[in-house]
C-alpha atoms as a PDB file:
ATOM      1  CA  MET A   1      26.045  19.542 -15.626  1.00  0.00           C
ATOM      2  CA  THR A   2      27.262  16.852 -17.922  1.00  0.00           C
ATOM      3  CA  THR A   3      31.441  16.802 -17.529  1.00  0.00           C
ATOM      4  CA  LEU A   4      33.654  15.679 -20.623  1.00  0.00           C
ATOM      5  CA  ASN A   5      36.587  13.838 -20.523  1.00  0.00           C
ATOM      6  CA  ALA A   6      39.493  14.703 -22.878  1.00  0.00           C
ATOM      7  CA  ALA A   7      38.262  13.516 -25.680  1.00  0.00           C
ATOM      8  CA  GLY A   8      35.255  15.092 -25.388  1.00  0.00           C
ATOM      9  CA  ILE A   9      32.873  12.188 -24.535  1.00  0.00           C
ATOM     10  CA  PRO A  10      30.657  12.279 -21.514  1.00  0.00           C
ATOM     11  CA  ASP A  11      32.201  10.959 -18.371  1.00  0.00           C
ATOM     12  CA  ALA A  12      28.409   9.070 -18.136  1.00  0.00           C
ATOM     13  CA  PHE A  13      29.239   7.499 -20.886  1.00  0.00           C
ATOM     14  CA  TRP A  14      32.372   5.158 -19.410  1.00  0.00           C
ATOM     15  CA  ARG A  15      29.902   4.992 -15.762  1.00  0.00           C
ATOM     16  CA  ASP A  16      26.952   4.158 -17.500  1.00  0.00           C
ATOM     17  CA  PRO A  17      26.501   0.758 -19.219  1.00  0.00           C
ATOM     18  CA  VAL A  18      22.881   1.659 -20.753  1.00  0.00           C
ATOM     19  CA  GLU A  19      24.745   4.787 -22.502  1.00  0.00           C
ATOM     20  CA  ARG A  20      27.503   3.660 -24.123  1.00  0.00           C
ATOM     21  CA  ALA A  21      24.654   0.306 -24.910  1.00  0.00           C
ATOM     22  CA  LYS A  22      22.852   3.228 -26.977  1.00  0.00           C
ATOM     23  CA  SER A  23      25.993   4.213 -29.254  1.00  0.00           C
ATOM     24  CA  ASP A  24      27.747   0.434 -29.262  1.00  0.00           C
ATOM     25  CA  PRO A  25      25.616  -2.452 -29.746  1.00  0.00           C
ATOM     26  CA  ALA A  26      28.664  -4.634 -28.484  1.00  0.00           C
ATOM     27  CA  ALA A  27      28.516  -2.964 -24.910  1.00  0.00           C
ATOM     28  CA  PHE A  28      24.803  -4.545 -25.000  1.00  0.00           C
ATOM     29  CA  GLY A  29      26.634  -7.819 -23.839  1.00  0.00           C
ATOM     30  CA  GLU A  30      27.657  -6.355 -20.528  1.00  0.00           C
ATOM     31  CA  LEU A  31      23.525  -5.277 -19.362  1.00  0.00           C
ATOM     32  CA  TYR A  32      22.431  -9.282 -21.339  1.00  0.00           C
ATOM     33  CA  ASP A  33      25.013 -10.461 -18.287  1.00  0.00           C
ATOM     34  CA  ARG A  34      23.879  -8.509 -15.824  1.00  0.00           C
ATOM     35  CA  TYR A  35      20.027  -9.122 -16.510  1.00  0.00           C
ATOM     36  CA  VAL A  36      19.454 -11.844 -18.123  1.00  0.00           C
ATOM     37  CA  GLY A  37      19.104 -14.628 -14.856  1.00  0.00           C
ATOM     38  CA  GLN A  38      16.293 -12.267 -13.304  1.00  0.00           C
ATOM     39  CA  ILE A  39      14.284 -11.534 -16.816  1.00  0.00           C
ATOM     40  CA  TYR A  40      14.674 -15.605 -17.960  1.00  0.00           C
ATOM     41  CA  ARG A  41      13.443 -16.472 -14.190  1.00  0.00           C
ATOM     42  CA  PHE A  42      10.733 -13.780 -14.320  1.00  0.00           C
ATOM     43  CA  VAL A  43      10.011 -15.276 -17.787  1.00  0.00           C
ATOM     44  CA  ARG A  44       9.899 -18.934 -16.716  1.00  0.00           C
ATOM     45  CA  ALA A  45       7.968 -18.247 -13.613  1.00  0.00           C
ATOM     46  CA  ARG A  46       4.736 -16.965 -15.541  1.00  0.00           C
ATOM     47  CA  ILE A  47       5.532 -19.864 -18.838  1.00  0.00           C
ATOM     48  CA  ARG A  48       6.699 -22.755 -17.160  1.00  0.00           C
ATOM     49  CA  ASP A  49       8.267 -24.089 -20.151  1.00  0.00           C
ATOM     50  CA  ASP A  50      12.101 -24.020 -20.587  1.00  0.00           C
ATOM     51  CA  SER A  51      12.443 -23.678 -24.179  1.00  0.00           C
ATOM     52  CA  ALA A  52       9.632 -20.766 -24.396  1.00  0.00           C
ATOM     53  CA  ALA A  53      11.045 -19.139 -22.005  1.00  0.00           C
ATOM     54  CA  GLU A  54      14.222 -19.751 -23.460  1.00  0.00           C
ATOM     55  CA  ASP A  55      12.878 -18.166 -26.444  1.00  0.00           C
ATOM     56  CA  ILE A  56      11.068 -15.080 -25.102  1.00  0.00           C
ATOM     57  CA  THR A  57      13.949 -14.089 -22.727  1.00  0.00           C
ATOM     58  CA  ALA A  58      16.155 -13.967 -26.044  1.00  0.00           C
ATOM     59  CA  GLU A  59      12.923 -12.085 -27.705  1.00  0.00           C
ATOM     60  CA  VAL A  60      13.296  -9.890 -25.118  1.00  0.00           C
ATOM     61  CA  PHE A  61      17.111  -8.878 -25.224  1.00  0.00           C
ATOM     62  CA  LEU A  62      16.836  -8.441 -28.994  1.00  0.00           C
ATOM     63  CA  SER A  63      13.929  -5.782 -28.610  1.00  0.00           C
ATOM     64  CA  ALA A  64      16.012  -4.184 -25.896  1.00  0.00           C
ATOM     65  CA  LEU A  65      18.626  -3.976 -28.064  1.00  0.00           C
ATOM     66  CA  ARG A  66      16.649  -2.825 -30.893  1.00  0.00           C
ATOM     67  CA  HIS A  67      14.791  -0.028 -29.126  1.00  0.00           C
ATOM     68  CA  ILE A  68      17.925   1.020 -26.835  1.00  0.00           C
ATOM     69  CA  LYS A  69      18.751   4.146 -28.493  1.00  0.00           C
ATOM     70  CA  GLY A  70      14.787   5.352 -27.295  1.00  0.00           C
ATOM     71  CA  TYR A  71      15.308   4.041 -23.273  1.00  0.00           C
ATOM     72  CA  ARG A  72      15.476   7.076 -20.880  1.00  0.00           C
ATOM     73  CA  ASP A  73      15.931   7.416 -17.742  1.00  0.00           C
ATOM     74  CA  GLN A  74      13.033   8.056 -15.791  1.00  0.00           C
ATOM     75  CA  GLY A  75      14.453   7.926 -12.359  1.00  0.00           C
ATOM     76  CA  ARG A  76      13.468   3.611 -12.568  1.00  0.00           C
ATOM     77  CA  PRO A  77      16.229   0.945 -12.634  1.00  0.00           C
ATOM     78  CA  PHE A  78      17.238   0.074 -16.214  1.00  0.00           C
ATOM     79  CA  SER A  79      15.461  -3.465 -15.087  1.00  0.00           C
ATOM     80  CA  CYS A  80      12.002  -2.104 -14.621  1.00  0.00           C
ATOM     81  CA  TRP A  81      12.299  -1.280 -18.378  1.00  0.00           C
ATOM     82  CA  LEU A  82      13.296  -4.699 -19.605  1.00  0.00           C
ATOM     83  CA  TYR A  83      10.646  -6.303 -17.346  1.00  0.00           C
ATOM     84  CA  ARG A  84       8.368  -4.263 -18.837  1.00  0.00           C
ATOM     85  CA  ILE A  85       9.498  -5.480 -22.354  1.00  0.00           C
ATOM     86  CA  ALA A  86       9.267  -9.259 -20.257  1.00  0.00           C
ATOM     87  CA  VAL A  87       5.500  -8.902 -19.478  1.00  0.00           C
ATOM     88  CA  ASN A  88       4.237  -7.682 -23.459  1.00  0.00           C
ATOM     89  CA  ALA A  89       6.451 -10.503 -24.558  1.00  0.00           C
ATOM     90  CA  VAL A  90       4.809 -12.750 -22.048  1.00  0.00           C
ATOM     91  CA  ALA A  91       0.957 -11.675 -23.211  1.00  0.00           C
ATOM     92  CA  SER A  92       2.153 -11.966 -26.566  1.00  0.00           C
ATOM     93  CA  HIS A  93       2.995 -15.863 -26.265  1.00  0.00           C
ATOM     94  CA  TYR A  94      -0.399 -16.265 -24.475  1.00  0.00           C
ATOM     95  CA  ARG A  95      -2.042 -14.544 -27.061  1.00  0.00           C
ATOM     96  CA  GLY A  96      -0.230 -17.030 -29.658  1.00  0.00           C
ATOM     97  CA  GLN A  97      -0.802 -20.741 -28.119  1.00  0.00           C
ATOM     98  CA  ARG A  98      -1.108 -22.067 -24.866  1.00  0.00           C
ATOM     99  CA  SER A  99       1.211 -22.940 -22.654  1.00  0.00           C
ATOM    100  CA  ALA A 100       2.393 -26.364 -21.939  1.00  0.00           C
ATOM    101  CA  LEU A 101       3.271 -29.010 -18.883  1.00  0.00           C
ATOM    102  CA  SER A 102       7.006 -29.724 -18.697  1.00  0.00           C
ATOM    103  CA  LEU A 103       7.990 -32.981 -19.496  1.00  0.00           C
ATOM    104  CA  ASP A 104       8.685 -34.211 -16.064  1.00  0.00           C
ATOM    105  CA  ASP A 105       5.158 -33.242 -15.243  1.00  0.00           C
ATOM    106  CA  GLN A 106       3.410 -35.167 -18.120  1.00  0.00           C
ATOM    107  CA  LEU A 107       5.001 -38.265 -16.961  1.00  0.00           C
ATOM    108  CA  GLY A 108       4.947 -37.759 -13.717  1.00  0.00           C
ATOM    109  CA  LEU A 109       8.819 -38.270 -13.183  1.00  0.00           C
ATOM    110  CA  VAL A 110       9.752 -37.714  -9.474  1.00  0.00           C
ATOM    111  CA  SER A 111      13.309 -36.748  -8.748  1.00  0.00           C
ATOM    112  CA  PRO A 112      15.125 -39.999  -6.943  1.00  0.00           C
ATOM    113  CA  LEU A 113      17.273 -37.789  -4.300  1.00  0.00           C
ATOM    114  CA  LEU A 114      13.968 -36.917  -2.778  1.00  0.00           C
ATOM    115  CA  ASP A 115      11.612 -38.959  -0.647  1.00  0.00           C
ATOM    116  CA  PRO A 116       8.776 -39.773  -3.656  1.00  0.00           C
ATOM    117  CA  LEU A 117       5.747 -39.184  -1.210  1.00  0.00           C
ATOM    118  CA  ASP A 118       7.222 -36.058   0.320  1.00  0.00           C
ATOM    119  CA  GLU A 119       7.919 -34.676  -3.452  1.00  0.00           C
ATOM    120  CA  VAL A 120       4.569 -35.311  -4.853  1.00  0.00           C
ATOM    121  CA  VAL A 121       2.741 -33.703  -2.361  1.00  0.00           C
ATOM    122  CA  ASP A 122       4.838 -30.554  -2.553  1.00  0.00           C
ATOM    123  CA  ARG A 123       4.825 -30.746  -6.148  1.00  0.00           C
ATOM    124  CA  GLU A 124       0.618 -31.056  -5.823  1.00  0.00           C
ATOM    125  CA  ARG A 125       0.584 -28.047  -3.069  1.00  0.00           C
ATOM    126  CA  LEU A 126       2.963 -26.164  -5.544  1.00  0.00           C
ATOM    127  CA  ARG A 127       0.862 -26.714  -8.605  1.00  0.00           C
ATOM    128  CA  THR A 128      -2.033 -26.425  -7.043  1.00  0.00           C
ATOM    129  CA  ILE A 129      -0.971 -22.751  -5.813  1.00  0.00           C
ATOM    130  CA  TRP A 130       0.370 -22.025  -8.992  1.00  0.00           C
ATOM    131  CA  GLN A 131      -2.527 -22.573 -10.800  1.00  0.00           C
ATOM    132  CA  ALA A 132      -4.616 -20.682  -8.970  1.00  0.00           C
ATOM    133  CA  VAL A 133      -2.000 -17.440  -9.433  1.00  0.00           C
ATOM    134  CA  ASP A 134      -2.591 -18.014 -13.088  1.00  0.00           C
ATOM    135  CA  ALA A 135      -6.083 -17.892 -12.681  1.00  0.00           C
ATOM    136  CA  LEU A 136      -5.669 -14.080 -10.981  1.00  0.00           C
ATOM    137  CA  PRO A 137      -6.127 -10.998 -12.954  1.00  0.00           C
ATOM    138  CA  THR A 138      -2.801 -10.399 -14.972  1.00  0.00           C
ATOM    139  CA  GLN A 139      -1.758  -7.641 -12.925  1.00  0.00           C
ATOM    140  CA  GLN A 140      -2.841  -9.084  -9.705  1.00  0.00           C
ATOM    141  CA  ARG A 141      -0.256 -12.641 -11.314  1.00  0.00           C
ATOM    142  CA  ALA A 142       2.541 -10.010 -12.506  1.00  0.00           C
ATOM    143  CA  ALA A 143       2.500  -8.804  -9.020  1.00  0.00           C
ATOM    144  CA  MET A 144       2.390 -11.743  -6.800  1.00  0.00           C
ATOM    145  CA  ILE A 145       5.490 -13.388  -9.493  1.00  0.00           C
ATOM    146  CA  LEU A 146       7.618 -10.296  -9.104  1.00  0.00           C
ATOM    147  CA  LYS A 147       7.236 -10.369  -5.265  1.00  0.00           C
ATOM    148  CA  PHE A 148       7.099 -14.245  -4.401  1.00  0.00           C
ATOM    149  CA  SER A 149       9.545 -15.456  -7.442  1.00  0.00           C
ATOM    150  CA  GLU A 150      11.751 -12.515  -7.914  1.00  0.00           C
ATOM    151  CA  ASP A 151      11.690 -11.488  -4.010  1.00  0.00           C
ATOM    152  CA  MET A 152      11.447  -7.840  -5.991  1.00  0.00           C
ATOM    153  CA  THR A 153      10.511  -4.647  -2.770  1.00  0.00           C
ATOM    154  CA  MET A 154       7.051  -2.932  -3.945  1.00  0.00           C
ATOM    155  CA  GLU A 155       9.466  -0.282  -5.293  1.00  0.00           C
ATOM    156  CA  GLU A 156      10.536  -2.665  -8.042  1.00  0.00           C
ATOM    157  CA  ILE A 157       7.055  -3.809  -8.568  1.00  0.00           C
ATOM    158  CA  GLY A 158       5.503  -0.668  -9.415  1.00  0.00           C
ATOM    159  CA  GLY A 159       8.386   0.274 -11.432  1.00  0.00           C
ATOM    160  CA  VAL A 160       7.725  -2.983 -13.330  1.00  0.00           C
ATOM    161  CA  LEU A 161       4.305  -2.607 -13.550  1.00  0.00           C
ATOM    162  CA  GLY A 162       3.988   1.173 -14.114  1.00  0.00           C
ATOM    163  CA  LYS A 163       2.233   2.029 -10.666  1.00  0.00           C
ATOM    164  CA  SER A 164       3.132   3.198  -7.483  1.00  0.00           C
ATOM    165  CA  PRO A 165       4.721   1.290  -4.783  1.00  0.00           C
ATOM    166  CA  ALA A 166       1.093   1.544  -2.645  1.00  0.00           C
ATOM    167  CA  ALA A 167      -0.721   0.788  -5.658  1.00  0.00           C
ATOM    168  CA  ALA A 168       1.740  -2.603  -5.915  1.00  0.00           C
ATOM    169  CA  LYS A 169       0.856  -3.617  -2.046  1.00  0.00           C
ATOM    170  CA  LEU A 170      -2.447  -3.553  -3.112  1.00  0.00           C
ATOM    171  CA  LEU A 171      -2.332  -5.907  -5.713  1.00  0.00           C
ATOM    172  CA  VAL A 172      -0.115  -8.242  -3.693  1.00  0.00           C
ATOM    173  CA  TYR A 173      -2.750  -8.008  -0.843  1.00  0.00           C
ATOM    174  CA  ARG A 174      -5.835  -8.463  -2.977  1.00  0.00           C
ATOM    175  CA  ALA A 175      -4.269 -10.949  -4.795  1.00  0.00           C
ATOM    176  CA  MET A 176      -3.168 -13.126  -1.501  1.00  0.00           C
ATOM    177  CA  GLN A 177      -6.545 -12.431  -0.528  1.00  0.00           C
ATOM    178  CA  ARG A 178      -7.814 -14.091  -3.207  1.00  0.00           C
ATOM    179  CA  LEU A 179      -6.089 -16.980  -3.061  1.00  0.00           C
ATOM    180  CA  ARG A 180      -6.901 -17.472   0.482  1.00  0.00           C
ATOM    181  CA  ARG A 181     -10.192 -17.863  -0.378  1.00  0.00           C
ATOM    182  CA  GLU A 182      -9.970 -20.007  -3.368  1.00  0.00           C
ATOM    183  CA  LEU A 183      -7.629 -22.034  -1.107  1.00  0.00           C
ATOM    184  CA  ALA A 184      -9.110 -22.842   1.875  1.00  0.00           C
ATOM    185  CA  PRO A 185     -11.203 -25.641   0.878  1.00  0.00           C
ATOM    186  CA  ALA A 186      -7.815 -27.267   0.037  1.00  0.00           C
ATOM    187  CA  ALA A 187      -6.154 -26.703   2.714  1.00  0.00           C
ATOM    188  CA  VAL A 188      -3.192 -24.454   0.906  1.00  0.00           C
ATOM    189  CA  GLU A 189      -1.151 -21.577   1.963  1.00  0.00           C
ATOM    190  CA  PRO A 190      -0.616 -19.205  -0.285  1.00  0.00           C
ATOM    191  CA  LEU A 191       2.122 -18.158   1.226  1.00  0.00           C
ATOM    192  CA  ALA A 192       4.166 -21.035   0.471  1.00  0.00           C
ATOM    193  CA  LEU A 193       4.966 -19.716  -3.179  1.00  0.00           C
ATOM    194  CA  ALA A 194       8.132 -18.263  -1.575  1.00  0.00           C
ATOM    195  CA  SER A 195       9.086 -22.278  -1.063  1.00  0.00           C
END
């Protein structure tokens, strides 16, 4: 049952920033502040270009603001809806162009604060792993990014991908098996993703 305050406005309106944002675009700022970091990290992990990731993240939130009135709570966190928009935005980006290496990668620059040899080895190891992740089927790749870059639970991954937690777990399992097979000749362990 919906409870109303003295002004006849549902109590949920004041407690829930999503409900407020549906009728007041200025209230969307609270949602933006809460989720922008998560969405940016997700997009950045898939795009690996700071500028493009910032642009795509902005597109995600602009799209969410435009369509917030159509959002319906289906028992999943609001972030699942944002991640779904982000998945679609990243797919659109890849349909439109190929990703480029960052300037540091192109020039081979190494941080002066770390031992250069260790930095090169770590960078190459991670690059090899993420290249293998990029070659995974779309759903497996998304599940791996959500698991290892965003540290999501299987329930959250399932919510973002529109799958059950068991199906999300199976996606991660199959992706890990595939990475182990492909990376075995290079002696690179896929669990280094969490590094």
